[in-house]
Amino acid sequence: MIQNTVATKKNLFEFFLPLLLFLFSLAACGPDDKEAKAESRDYPAIFPDYTGVTVPYNIAPLNFGVPEAKEIKVVVKVDGNELARLQGGACVKFPEKDWKEWLRHYAGKTLDMTVSVWTDEDPGGIRYTSFPVHIATGGIDPWIAYRLIEPGYELWNRMGIYQRDLTSFEENAIVTNRENHDGCINCHSFCNYSPDNFMFHARGVNGTTVLVRDGQPARLDLVKMEPNKSGTYPMWHPSGRYIIFSSNDTHQAFYHFGHMPVEVYDLSSDLMIYDVVHNRVLTDPRFTNRENMETFPAFSPDGKEVYFCTAPTRKMPMEYKSLKYALCRVGFDEQTGQLLGQVDTLYNPATAGGSVSFPRLSPDGKFLLYTEAACATFPIWHAEADLKMIRLADNREMDTSSLNSDDTESYHSWSSDGRWVLFSSRRLDGRYTRLFIAAVDENGCFGKPFLLPQEDPEHNTLRMKSYNIPEFIRGEVKLDKGKVSSLFDIE
């Protein structure tokens, strides 16, 4: 009997050992499961603030911390059933494997997280009201691309276009300015979210536009083609045959405007279309005159229209406060590459009062998201800049209040299924642009934005770079940097 009992205990131990090890690795707990002595009806002051957000089922773990915390305990439940207890230092890091299993298995449900915090002020601990994290039934495009740059733009000796796996914390460089003799790299654009077909500009020594088709980079010297202008702010036609640009004579003024350290402005800007198939540039005299400036062009998802911003030419930078851009639309003929028909005005500064930039249409063509500032063309340094959206069927302004903050919201893009928006914001510190993601439903209603998850919650505040021009892509870009570098080693 004794031997059988011992054998039974041994078998039970061997059976439960993997589970015990799993729980230990999951929780990273101390030797005891502490209980807080006090309770609060408030949500905990976690950073990043993930309370009440809706996330895709394939997003990386929402690791977070609590300022001033000496110890944190988190209990995770779904439908009242406990999934895990995590207890440790000043931050919570969810194991990636287990996090992914939770989100896949419980898509459409809600994670309830109860956080207890011990601080010097409250050594007995406070248990806060549990907060929800809603798991969407749909996923998100697995990768995003963005430029990393110092926020002042006067110091860019090290910069590049990077990509990040949203399902994990992997980040790597697509291309940096080491490949073009430390020049400027900017204005990337992907064709239908493809990691194999895209383009970017590289300024400086032997500068050019780099056109990547089927993963192979090549020079696109727009300035050598009539009308001999460089391209800025590109967007691909959904067919992949055309790329529309504005050609901008851009300048910067530093420390001239009181609280605004930088103002970026154009002396002129026109629209131009590059025909990828026939290697030619197409223009329309209506959008190349000196009386008006056109910028930020965007094709509609069906490729039949072009949306753009336009304003009367002003004396810059002296008259920058009176420079206000309208949002307009014109037809496009895919067969000829020509802009057709009358120009419709969707946003008129004379009545609306602001200035529009970065029009971007939802993939289903129902909504147009844009940035509105008080004036001028470069909203990233305007604290009042907000994201706005209209429903194109009736030009109705939608509620975007959940997206905006007291500081700058600027560039934005739609996921390929139109259920998520990615945008840059200075709301954390007023200086560095960080990336936020928000859910949006078929009626154009937005969820609470959440900060791009990082393995270390403090990464977003400690990284001294701004995220610029974020875009969704369907997969990882695999670009031969040696081939890119060779494009600039010419006589």
Protein backbone atom coordinates (compact mmCIF):
# COMPACT_ATOMS: atom_id res chain seq x y z
CA MET A 1 0.00 0.00 0.00
CA ILE A 2 2.80 2.39 0.92
CA GLN A 3 4.59 1.65 -2.35
CA ASN A 4 1.39 2.14 -4.33
CA THR A 5 0.71 5.43 -2.56
CA VAL A 6 4.22 6.62 -3.27
CA ALA A 7 3.92 5.55 -6.89
CA THR A 8 0.59 7.33 -7.18
CA LYS A 9 2.04 10.52 -5.71
CA LYS A 10 4.98 10.23 -8.09
CA ASN A 11 2.68 9.85 -11.09
CA LEU A 12 0.58 12.81 -9.96
CA PHE A 13 3.73 14.89 -9.49
CA GLU A 14 4.98 14.01 -12.95
CA PHE A 15 1.54 14.79 -14.36
CA PHE A 16 1.28 18.20 -12.73
CA LEU A 17 4.95 19.22 -13.07
CA PRO A 18 4.59 20.65 -16.60
CA LEU A 19 1.55 22.60 -15.46
CA LEU A 20 3.42 23.94 -12.42
CA LEU A 21 6.36 24.97 -14.57
CA PHE A 22 3.97 26.61 -17.03
CA LEU A 23 2.26 28.61 -14.33
CA PHE A 24 5.60 29.61 -12.85
CA SER A 25 6.94 30.82 -16.19
CA LEU A 26 3.64 32.54 -16.98
CA ALA A 27 3.32 34.45 -13.78
CA ALA A 28 6.95 35.09 -12.88
CA CYS A 29 5.54 35.38 -9.38
CA GLY A 30 7.24 35.72 -6.10
CA PRO A 31 7.10 32.95 -3.51
CA ASP A 32 3.69 34.08 -2.23
CA ASP A 33 0.50 35.23 -3.91
CA LYS A 34 0.09 38.57 -2.16
CA GLU A 35 -3.29 40.17 -1.68
CA ALA A 36 -3.75 43.93 -1.53
CA LYS A 37 -5.24 45.28 1.67
CA ALA A 38 -7.21 48.15 0.08
CA GLU A 39 -9.58 48.41 -2.87
CA SER A 40 -10.31 51.16 -5.38
CA ARG A 41 -13.28 51.62 -7.69
CA ASP A 42 -11.02 53.31 -10.25
CA TYR A 43 -9.07 51.75 -13.08
CA PRO A 44 -5.33 51.53 -12.38
CA ALA A 45 -3.12 54.27 -13.85
CA ILE A 46 -1.28 51.94 -16.20
CA PHE A 47 1.10 52.97 -18.99
CA PRO A 48 0.40 52.55 -21.79
CA ASP A 49 -3.30 53.05 -21.12
CA TYR A 50 -4.90 49.87 -22.47
CA THR A 51 -8.06 50.13 -20.37
CA GLY A 52 -11.20 49.56 -22.43
CA VAL A 53 -9.47 49.19 -25.79
CA THR A 54 -10.46 46.88 -28.64
CA VAL A 55 -7.56 44.96 -30.18
CA PRO A 56 -7.17 42.57 -33.12
CA TYR A 57 -6.83 38.92 -32.21
CA ASN A 58 -3.28 38.81 -33.63
CA ILE A 59 -1.76 41.82 -31.85
CA ALA A 60 1.44 41.55 -29.79
CA PRO A 61 1.09 41.44 -25.97
CA LEU A 62 -0.14 44.64 -24.33
CA ASN A 63 2.66 44.86 -21.79
CA PHE A 64 2.23 47.71 -19.32
CA GLY A 65 3.60 49.25 -16.15
CA VAL A 66 2.41 51.45 -13.31
CA PRO A 67 4.41 54.59 -12.43
CA GLU A 68 5.92 54.49 -8.91
CA ALA A 69 4.98 50.82 -8.48
CA LYS A 70 7.28 48.57 -6.47
CA GLU A 71 5.24 45.49 -7.27
CA ILE A 72 2.29 44.67 -9.52
CA LYS A 73 -0.09 41.75 -9.57
CA VAL A 74 -2.45 41.05 -12.48
CA VAL A 75 -5.24 38.48 -12.60
CA VAL A 76 -6.53 37.75 -16.11
CA LYS A 77 -9.99 36.28 -16.60
CA VAL A 78 -12.42 35.50 -19.42
CA ASP A 79 -16.10 34.93 -18.67
CA GLY A 80 -15.20 34.68 -14.98
CA ASN A 81 -12.65 31.92 -15.58
CA GLU A 82 -9.12 32.70 -14.49
CA LEU A 83 -6.44 32.36 -17.14
CA ALA A 84 -3.38 33.55 -15.26
CA ARG A 85 -1.87 35.43 -12.33
CA LEU A 86 1.18 37.52 -12.96
CA GLN A 87 3.12 39.06 -10.12
CA GLY A 88 6.44 40.81 -10.21
CA GLY A 89 8.14 44.17 -10.50
CA ALA A 90 6.98 47.51 -11.84
CA CYS A 91 5.72 46.21 -15.18
CA VAL A 92 3.72 43.33 -16.62
CA LYS A 93 5.08 41.32 -19.54
CA PHE A 94 2.77 38.67 -20.95
CA PRO A 95 4.47 35.60 -22.47
CA GLU A 96 3.95 35.90 -26.23
CA LYS A 97 2.96 32.29 -26.82
CA ASP A 98 0.27 32.27 -24.17
CA TRP A 99 -0.99 35.73 -25.11
CA LYS A 100 -1.46 34.63 -28.72
CA GLU A 101 -3.34 31.51 -27.62
CA TRP A 102 -5.68 33.58 -25.46
CA LEU A 103 -6.51 36.04 -28.22
CA ARG A 104 -7.07 33.38 -30.87
CA HIS A 105 -9.17 31.19 -28.59
CA TYR A 106 -11.25 34.02 -27.12
CA ALA A 107 -11.69 36.22 -30.20
CA GLY A 108 -14.95 38.11 -29.84
CA LYS A 109 -14.77 37.99 -26.04
CA THR A 110 -13.25 40.25 -23.37
CA LEU A 111 -10.17 39.84 -21.20
CA ASP A 112 -10.85 41.18 -17.70
CA MET A 113 -7.68 42.32 -15.95
CA THR A 114 -7.56 43.04 -12.24
CA VAL A 115 -4.46 44.95 -11.19
CA SER A 116 -3.10 45.29 -7.65
CA VAL A 117 -0.28 47.76 -6.98
CA TRP A 118 2.17 48.17 -4.10
CA THR A 119 4.01 51.48 -3.75
CA ASP A 120 5.97 53.33 -1.08
CA GLU A 121 2.82 55.34 -0.37
CA ASP A 122 0.64 52.24 -0.18
CA PRO A 123 2.88 49.41 1.07
CA GLY A 124 -0.21 47.30 1.85
CA GLY A 125 -1.28 47.44 -1.78
CA ILE A 126 -4.40 48.60 -3.62
CA ARG A 127 -6.54 46.34 -5.78
CA TYR A 128 -8.19 48.32 -8.56
CA THR A 129 -11.41 47.68 -10.46
CA SER A 130 -10.87 45.22 -13.28
CA PHE A 131 -10.65 46.74 -16.73
CA PRO A 132 -11.67 45.17 -20.05
CA VAL A 133 -9.62 44.49 -23.16
CA HIS A 134 -12.00 43.60 -25.98
CA ILE A 135 -10.74 41.08 -28.53
CA ALA A 136 -12.02 41.66 -32.05
CA THR A 137 -13.07 38.72 -34.20
CA GLY A 138 -10.82 40.00 -36.98
CA GLY A 139 -7.09 40.39 -37.29
CA ILE A 140 -4.90 43.20 -38.54
CA ASP A 141 -2.32 43.45 -41.32
CA PRO A 142 0.73 41.80 -39.76
CA TRP A 143 3.31 44.49 -40.57
CA ILE A 144 3.60 48.27 -40.58
CA ALA A 145 6.27 50.53 -42.06
CA TYR A 146 7.37 53.97 -40.86
CA ARG A 147 10.27 56.37 -40.93
CA LEU A 148 12.28 56.96 -37.75
CA ILE A 149 13.78 60.43 -37.48
CA GLU A 150 14.76 63.05 -34.92
CA PRO A 151 11.75 65.28 -34.34
CA GLY A 152 13.45 68.56 -35.23
CA TYR A 153 14.23 67.52 -38.82
CA GLU A 154 17.39 69.63 -38.67
CA LEU A 155 19.34 66.59 -37.40
CA TRP A 156 18.89 63.56 -39.61
CA ASN A 157 22.35 62.08 -39.97
CA ARG A 158 20.85 58.71 -39.04
CA MET A 159 17.41 57.90 -40.34
CA GLY A 160 15.61 55.17 -42.19
CA ILE A 161 12.40 53.40 -43.10
CA TYR A 162 11.69 50.59 -40.67
CA GLN A 163 9.14 47.83 -40.39
CA ARG A 164 7.52 46.25 -37.37
CA ASP A 165 5.72 42.93 -36.96
CA LEU A 166 2.46 43.76 -35.17
CA THR A 167 2.06 40.15 -34.03
CA SER A 168 5.36 40.29 -32.14
CA PHE A 169 7.96 42.90 -31.19
CA GLU A 170 10.27 42.34 -34.16
CA GLU A 171 11.53 45.50 -35.85
CA ASN A 172 14.09 45.83 -38.62
CA ALA A 173 15.24 48.36 -41.19
CA ILE A 174 13.88 48.28 -44.72
CA VAL A 175 16.40 50.89 -45.84
CA THR A 176 18.47 53.52 -44.04
CA ASN A 177 20.44 56.53 -45.23
CA ARG A 178 23.61 54.47 -44.93
CA GLU A 179 22.57 53.21 -48.36
CA ASN A 180 22.48 56.69 -49.96
CA HIS A 181 25.53 58.44 -48.52
CA ASP A 182 23.70 59.78 -45.44
CA GLY A 183 21.11 61.68 -47.47
CA CYS A 184 17.45 62.05 -46.58
CA ILE A 185 15.06 59.13 -47.07
CA ASN A 186 11.33 59.82 -47.06
CA CYS A 187 7.85 59.47 -48.57
CA HIS A 188 7.47 55.72 -48.90
CA SER A 189 4.31 54.33 -50.49
CA PHE A 190 3.17 50.72 -50.95
CA CYS A 191 1.10 49.41 -53.84
CA ASN A 192 -1.99 47.69 -52.42
CA TYR A 193 -0.21 46.99 -49.12
CA SER A 194 2.35 44.86 -50.96
CA PRO A 195 5.79 44.27 -49.37
CA ASP A 196 7.21 43.61 -52.85
CA ASN A 197 5.95 46.66 -54.74
CA PHE A 198 6.62 50.07 -53.26
CA MET A 199 8.69 53.21 -53.63
CA PHE A 200 10.51 55.82 -51.60
CA HIS A 201 12.50 59.00 -52.18
CA ALA A 202 16.22 59.30 -51.44
CA ARG A 203 17.61 62.83 -51.49
CA GLY A 204 21.23 63.94 -51.47
CA VAL A 205 24.22 62.74 -53.52
CA ASN A 206 22.90 61.04 -56.67
CA GLY A 207 19.43 61.31 -55.18
CA THR A 208 16.48 59.66 -56.90
CA THR A 209 13.15 58.00 -56.37
CA VAL A 210 13.63 54.28 -55.79
CA LEU A 211 10.96 52.14 -57.42
CA VAL A 212 10.73 48.56 -56.12
CA ARG A 213 8.86 46.08 -58.33
CA ASP A 214 8.68 42.41 -57.42
CA GLY A 215 11.30 43.11 -54.77
CA GLN A 216 13.85 44.57 -57.20
CA PRO A 217 14.89 48.23 -56.71
CA ALA A 218 15.58 50.60 -59.60
CA ARG A 219 16.17 54.31 -60.07
CA LEU A 220 13.26 56.49 -61.14
CA ASP A 221 14.77 59.85 -62.09
CA LEU A 222 11.62 61.94 -62.34
CA VAL A 223 13.58 65.19 -62.65
CA LYS A 224 15.03 63.93 -65.96
CA MET A 225 11.54 63.45 -67.43
CA GLU A 226 9.24 66.23 -68.62
CA PRO A 227 8.27 68.48 -66.87
CA ASN A 228 11.56 67.91 -64.98
CA LYS A 229 10.17 68.01 -61.45
CA SER A 230 10.82 65.85 -58.44
CA GLY A 231 7.97 63.97 -56.81
CA THR A 232 6.70 64.21 -53.24
CA TYR A 233 3.77 62.68 -51.29
CA PRO A 234 3.17 59.67 -53.57
CA MET A 235 0.26 57.26 -53.79
CA TRP A 236 -0.20 54.25 -56.04
CA HIS A 237 -3.20 53.69 -58.25
CA PRO A 238 -4.92 50.42 -57.18
CA SER A 239 -4.08 48.90 -60.59
CA GLY A 240 -0.36 49.44 -59.92
CA ARG A 241 0.01 51.20 -63.27
CA TYR A 242 0.25 54.78 -61.96
CA ILE A 243 1.76 56.71 -59.08
CA ILE A 244 0.42 60.18 -58.38
CA PHE A 245 2.70 62.78 -56.78
CA SER A 246 2.68 66.36 -55.80
CA SER A 247 5.85 68.22 -56.76
CA ASN A 248 6.62 70.52 -53.85
CA ASP A 249 9.15 73.29 -53.38
CA THR A 250 9.36 72.76 -49.62
CA HIS A 251 11.14 74.92 -47.05
CA GLN A 252 11.47 75.05 -43.28
CA ALA A 253 11.50 77.98 -40.88
CA PHE A 254 13.02 77.40 -37.43
CA TYR A 255 12.19 79.21 -34.20
CA HIS A 256 10.36 82.05 -35.93
CA PHE A 257 6.88 81.47 -34.61
CA GLY A 258 6.93 81.72 -30.82
CA HIS A 259 5.84 78.41 -29.30
CA MET A 260 6.15 76.63 -32.67
CA PRO A 261 9.78 75.55 -33.16
CA VAL A 262 9.31 74.53 -36.81
CA GLU A 263 7.02 75.53 -39.64
CA VAL A 264 7.27 73.60 -42.91
CA TYR A 265 5.77 75.27 -45.96
CA ASP A 266 5.70 75.15 -49.77
CA LEU A 267 6.53 77.97 -52.15
CA SER A 268 4.84 76.02 -54.94
CA SER A 269 3.31 72.58 -55.51
CA ASP A 270 1.68 70.82 -58.48
CA LEU A 271 0.16 67.44 -59.30
CA MET A 272 1.89 64.95 -61.59
CA ILE A 273 1.23 61.32 -62.50
CA TYR A 274 3.87 58.76 -63.35
CA ASP A 275 2.84 56.05 -65.81
CA VAL A 276 4.74 52.94 -64.65
CA VAL A 277 4.02 50.99 -67.85
CA HIS A 278 5.09 53.65 -70.36
CA ASN A 279 7.71 55.38 -68.18
CA ARG A 280 6.31 58.87 -68.61
CA VAL A 281 5.00 61.74 -66.50
CA LEU A 282 1.51 63.13 -67.16
CA THR A 283 0.30 66.56 -66.05
CA ASP A 284 -2.82 68.71 -66.31
CA PRO A 285 -2.46 72.50 -66.78
CA ARG A 286 -5.26 73.06 -64.26
CA PHE A 287 -2.98 71.70 -61.55
CA THR A 288 0.39 73.10 -62.59
CA ASN A 289 -0.25 76.86 -62.58
CA ARG A 290 1.36 79.37 -60.22
CA GLU A 291 -1.90 80.76 -58.85
CA ASN A 292 -2.70 77.70 -56.74
CA MET A 293 -0.82 74.99 -54.88
CA GLU A 294 -1.97 71.35 -54.98
CA THR A 295 -0.63 68.71 -52.63
CA PHE A 296 -1.32 65.39 -50.84
CA PRO A 297 -3.01 63.53 -53.73
CA ALA A 298 -4.80 60.23 -53.11
CA PHE A 299 -6.58 57.79 -55.42
CA SER A 300 -9.97 56.41 -54.52
CA PRO A 301 -10.03 52.62 -53.89
CA ASP A 302 -11.74 52.01 -57.25
CA GLY A 303 -9.16 54.17 -59.02
CA LYS A 304 -11.75 56.43 -60.64
CA GLU A 305 -11.10 59.59 -58.63
CA VAL A 306 -8.26 61.65 -57.21
CA TYR A 307 -8.60 63.55 -53.94
CA PHE A 308 -6.16 66.36 -53.19
CA CYS A 309 -5.63 69.54 -51.17
CA THR A 310 -5.35 72.96 -52.76
CA ALA A 311 -4.87 76.57 -51.68
CA PRO A 312 -4.17 79.93 -53.34
CA THR A 313 -0.47 80.76 -53.43
CA ARG A 314 0.64 82.98 -50.54
CA LYS A 315 3.80 84.86 -49.62
CA MET A 316 5.53 82.39 -47.38
CA PRO A 317 6.40 82.14 -44.60
CA MET A 318 5.05 85.58 -43.72
CA GLU A 319 1.44 84.72 -44.62
CA TYR A 320 1.41 81.17 -43.31
CA LYS A 321 -1.52 81.86 -40.92
CA SER A 322 -3.75 82.79 -43.87
CA LEU A 323 -2.76 79.70 -45.88
CA LYS A 324 -5.68 77.26 -45.68
CA TYR A 325 -6.08 74.19 -47.88
CA ALA A 326 -9.37 72.96 -49.30
CA LEU A 327 -10.16 69.30 -49.92
CA CYS A 328 -11.13 68.61 -53.54
CA ARG A 329 -11.93 65.73 -55.89
CA VAL A 330 -11.54 65.19 -59.63
CA GLY A 331 -12.16 62.24 -61.95
CA PHE A 332 -9.43 59.94 -63.29
CA ASP A 333 -9.31 57.87 -66.49
CA GLU A 334 -7.26 54.71 -66.00
CA GLN A 335 -6.95 54.12 -69.75
CA THR A 336 -5.29 57.46 -70.51
CA GLY A 337 -3.93 58.49 -67.11
CA GLN A 338 -5.70 61.84 -67.41
CA LEU A 339 -7.58 63.84 -64.78
CA LEU A 340 -11.13 64.42 -66.01
CA GLY A 341 -14.18 66.57 -65.38
CA GLN A 342 -14.96 69.32 -62.97
CA VAL A 343 -13.32 69.77 -59.60
CA ASP A 344 -15.61 69.22 -56.61
CA THR A 345 -14.85 70.86 -53.26
CA LEU A 346 -15.60 68.68 -50.22
CA TYR A 347 -14.08 70.95 -47.57
CA ASN A 348 -14.05 74.70 -48.03
CA PRO A 349 -11.84 76.64 -45.58
CA ALA A 350 -13.96 79.75 -46.11
CA THR A 351 -16.85 78.05 -44.30
CA ALA A 352 -15.12 75.26 -42.34
CA GLY A 353 -12.34 77.49 -41.05
CA GLY A 354 -9.41 75.09 -41.04
CA SER A 355 -6.81 73.63 -43.38
CA VAL A 356 -6.82 70.04 -44.70
CA SER A 357 -3.97 67.61 -45.30
CA PHE A 358 -3.46 63.85 -45.85
CA PRO A 359 -6.80 62.71 -47.31
CA ARG A 360 -7.06 58.92 -47.07
CA LEU A 361 -10.07 56.85 -48.15
CA SER A 362 -11.28 53.70 -46.45
CA PRO A 363 -10.81 50.57 -48.60
CA ASP A 364 -14.57 50.29 -49.17
CA GLY A 365 -14.69 53.90 -50.39
CA LYS A 366 -17.27 54.98 -47.80
CA PHE A 367 -15.18 57.28 -45.61
CA LEU A 368 -12.44 59.85 -46.03
CA LEU A 369 -10.11 60.46 -43.10
CA TYR A 370 -7.99 63.62 -43.07
CA THR A 371 -6.02 65.93 -40.79
CA GLU A 372 -7.39 69.36 -39.97
CA ALA A 373 -5.20 72.14 -38.60
CA ALA A 374 -5.79 75.87 -38.16
CA CYS A 375 -3.61 76.73 -41.15
CA ALA A 376 -0.70 75.79 -43.41
CA THR A 377 0.31 72.49 -44.96
CA PHE A 378 2.41 70.58 -42.44
CA PRO A 379 0.26 69.77 -39.39
CA ILE A 380 2.79 67.69 -37.49
CA TRP A 381 3.99 70.80 -35.61
CA HIS A 382 0.49 72.15 -34.98
CA ALA A 383 -0.78 71.20 -31.53
CA GLU A 384 -4.36 71.88 -32.62
CA ALA A 385 -4.20 69.39 -35.51
CA ASP A 386 -6.87 66.68 -35.24
CA LEU A 387 -8.11 63.76 -37.30
CA LYS A 388 -11.46 64.33 -39.00
CA MET A 389 -13.58 62.11 -41.23
CA ILE A 390 -16.50 62.52 -43.62
CA ARG A 391 -18.91 59.96 -45.05
CA LEU A 392 -18.65 60.41 -48.80
CA ALA A 393 -22.24 59.41 -49.58
CA ASP A 394 -23.59 62.61 -48.03
CA ASN A 395 -20.45 64.53 -46.94
CA ARG A 396 -21.51 64.10 -43.31
CA GLU A 397 -18.82 64.75 -40.70
CA MET A 398 -18.31 61.70 -38.48
CA ASP A 399 -17.42 61.63 -34.80
CA THR A 400 -13.65 61.28 -34.42
CA SER A 401 -13.39 62.68 -30.89
CA SER A 402 -12.11 59.37 -29.53
CA LEU A 403 -9.05 59.62 -31.79
CA ASN A 404 -7.95 63.09 -30.79
CA SER A 405 -6.06 64.60 -27.87
CA ASP A 406 -4.85 68.00 -26.68
CA ASP A 407 -1.77 67.66 -28.86
CA THR A 408 -0.98 66.86 -32.48
CA GLU A 409 -2.64 64.06 -34.43
CA SER A 410 -1.23 63.86 -37.93
CA TYR A 411 -0.51 61.21 -40.56
CA HIS A 412 -2.84 58.20 -40.72
CA SER A 413 -3.58 55.10 -42.80
CA TRP A 414 -6.24 52.40 -43.11
CA SER A 415 -5.72 48.67 -42.72
CA SER A 416 -6.46 46.61 -45.82
CA ASP A 417 -9.84 45.47 -44.46
CA GLY A 418 -10.80 48.97 -43.29
CA ARG A 419 -11.31 47.87 -39.68
CA TRP A 420 -8.27 49.62 -38.17
CA VAL A 421 -6.58 52.98 -38.50
CA LEU A 422 -2.95 53.70 -37.68
CA PHE A 423 -1.91 57.26 -36.90
CA SER A 424 0.85 59.37 -35.40
CA SER A 425 0.33 61.56 -32.33
CA ARG A 426 2.39 63.77 -30.03
CA ARG A 427 0.04 63.24 -27.09
CA LEU A 428 2.60 61.56 -24.84
CA ASP A 429 5.05 64.45 -24.48
CA GLY A 430 4.28 67.06 -27.13
CA ARG A 431 7.58 66.42 -28.92
CA TYR A 432 7.88 62.90 -30.30
CA THR A 433 5.29 61.37 -32.60
CA ARG A 434 4.25 57.88 -31.49
CA LEU A 435 2.01 55.38 -33.21
CA PHE A 436 -1.54 54.59 -32.14
CA ILE A 437 -4.05 52.05 -33.48
CA ALA A 438 -7.83 52.28 -33.24
CA ALA A 439 -10.66 49.98 -34.25
CA VAL A 440 -13.34 51.31 -36.62
CA ASP A 441 -16.59 49.55 -37.48
CA GLU A 442 -18.62 49.45 -40.70
CA ASN A 443 -20.58 52.53 -39.59
CA GLY A 444 -17.45 54.64 -39.13
CA CYS A 445 -17.44 54.51 -35.32
CA PHE A 446 -13.99 54.48 -33.70
CA GLY A 447 -12.81 52.67 -30.60
CA LYS A 448 -10.33 54.00 -28.07
CA PRO A 449 -6.83 54.24 -29.61
CA PHE A 450 -4.03 52.19 -28.08
CA LEU A 451 -0.30 52.84 -28.19
CA LEU A 452 1.80 50.53 -30.36
CA PRO A 453 2.68 47.63 -28.00
CA GLN A 454 6.33 47.26 -27.01
CA GLU A 455 8.11 44.48 -25.15
CA ASP A 456 9.28 47.07 -22.61
CA PRO A 457 6.43 49.49 -21.82
CA GLU A 458 8.91 52.35 -21.39
CA HIS A 459 10.34 51.89 -24.87
CA ASN A 460 7.95 54.42 -26.41
CA THR A 461 9.08 57.13 -23.99
CA LEU A 462 12.78 56.31 -23.94
CA ARG A 463 13.23 56.08 -27.71
CA MET A 464 14.43 59.48 -28.95
CA LYS A 465 12.97 59.16 -32.43
CA SER A 466 9.70 60.20 -34.05
CA TYR A 467 7.59 57.76 -36.04
CA ASN A 468 6.74 59.28 -39.41
CA ILE A 469 4.37 58.24 -42.25
CA PRO A 470 3.06 54.94 -40.80
CA GLU A 471 1.59 52.52 -43.33
CA PHE A 472 0.12 49.01 -43.14
CA ILE A 473 1.68 46.24 -45.22
CA ARG A 474 0.57 42.63 -45.73
CA GLY A 475 3.94 41.04 -45.05
CA GLU A 476 7.60 41.60 -44.32
CA VAL A 477 9.66 43.61 -46.81
CA LYS A 478 12.80 41.77 -47.87
CA LEU A 479 14.88 44.30 -49.76
CA ASP A 480 18.50 43.76 -50.77
CA LYS A 481 20.21 46.79 -49.23
CA GLY A 482 23.31 46.15 -51.33
CA LYS A 483 21.27 46.60 -54.50
CA VAL A 484 19.77 49.79 -53.11
CA SER A 485 23.20 51.13 -52.20
CA SER A 486 24.50 50.44 -55.73
CA LEU A 487 21.84 52.76 -57.15
CA PHE A 488 23.71 55.72 -55.66
CA ASP A 489 27.23 54.67 -56.62
CA ILE A 490 27.17 56.24 -60.05
CA GLU A 491 29.37 58.83 -61.73
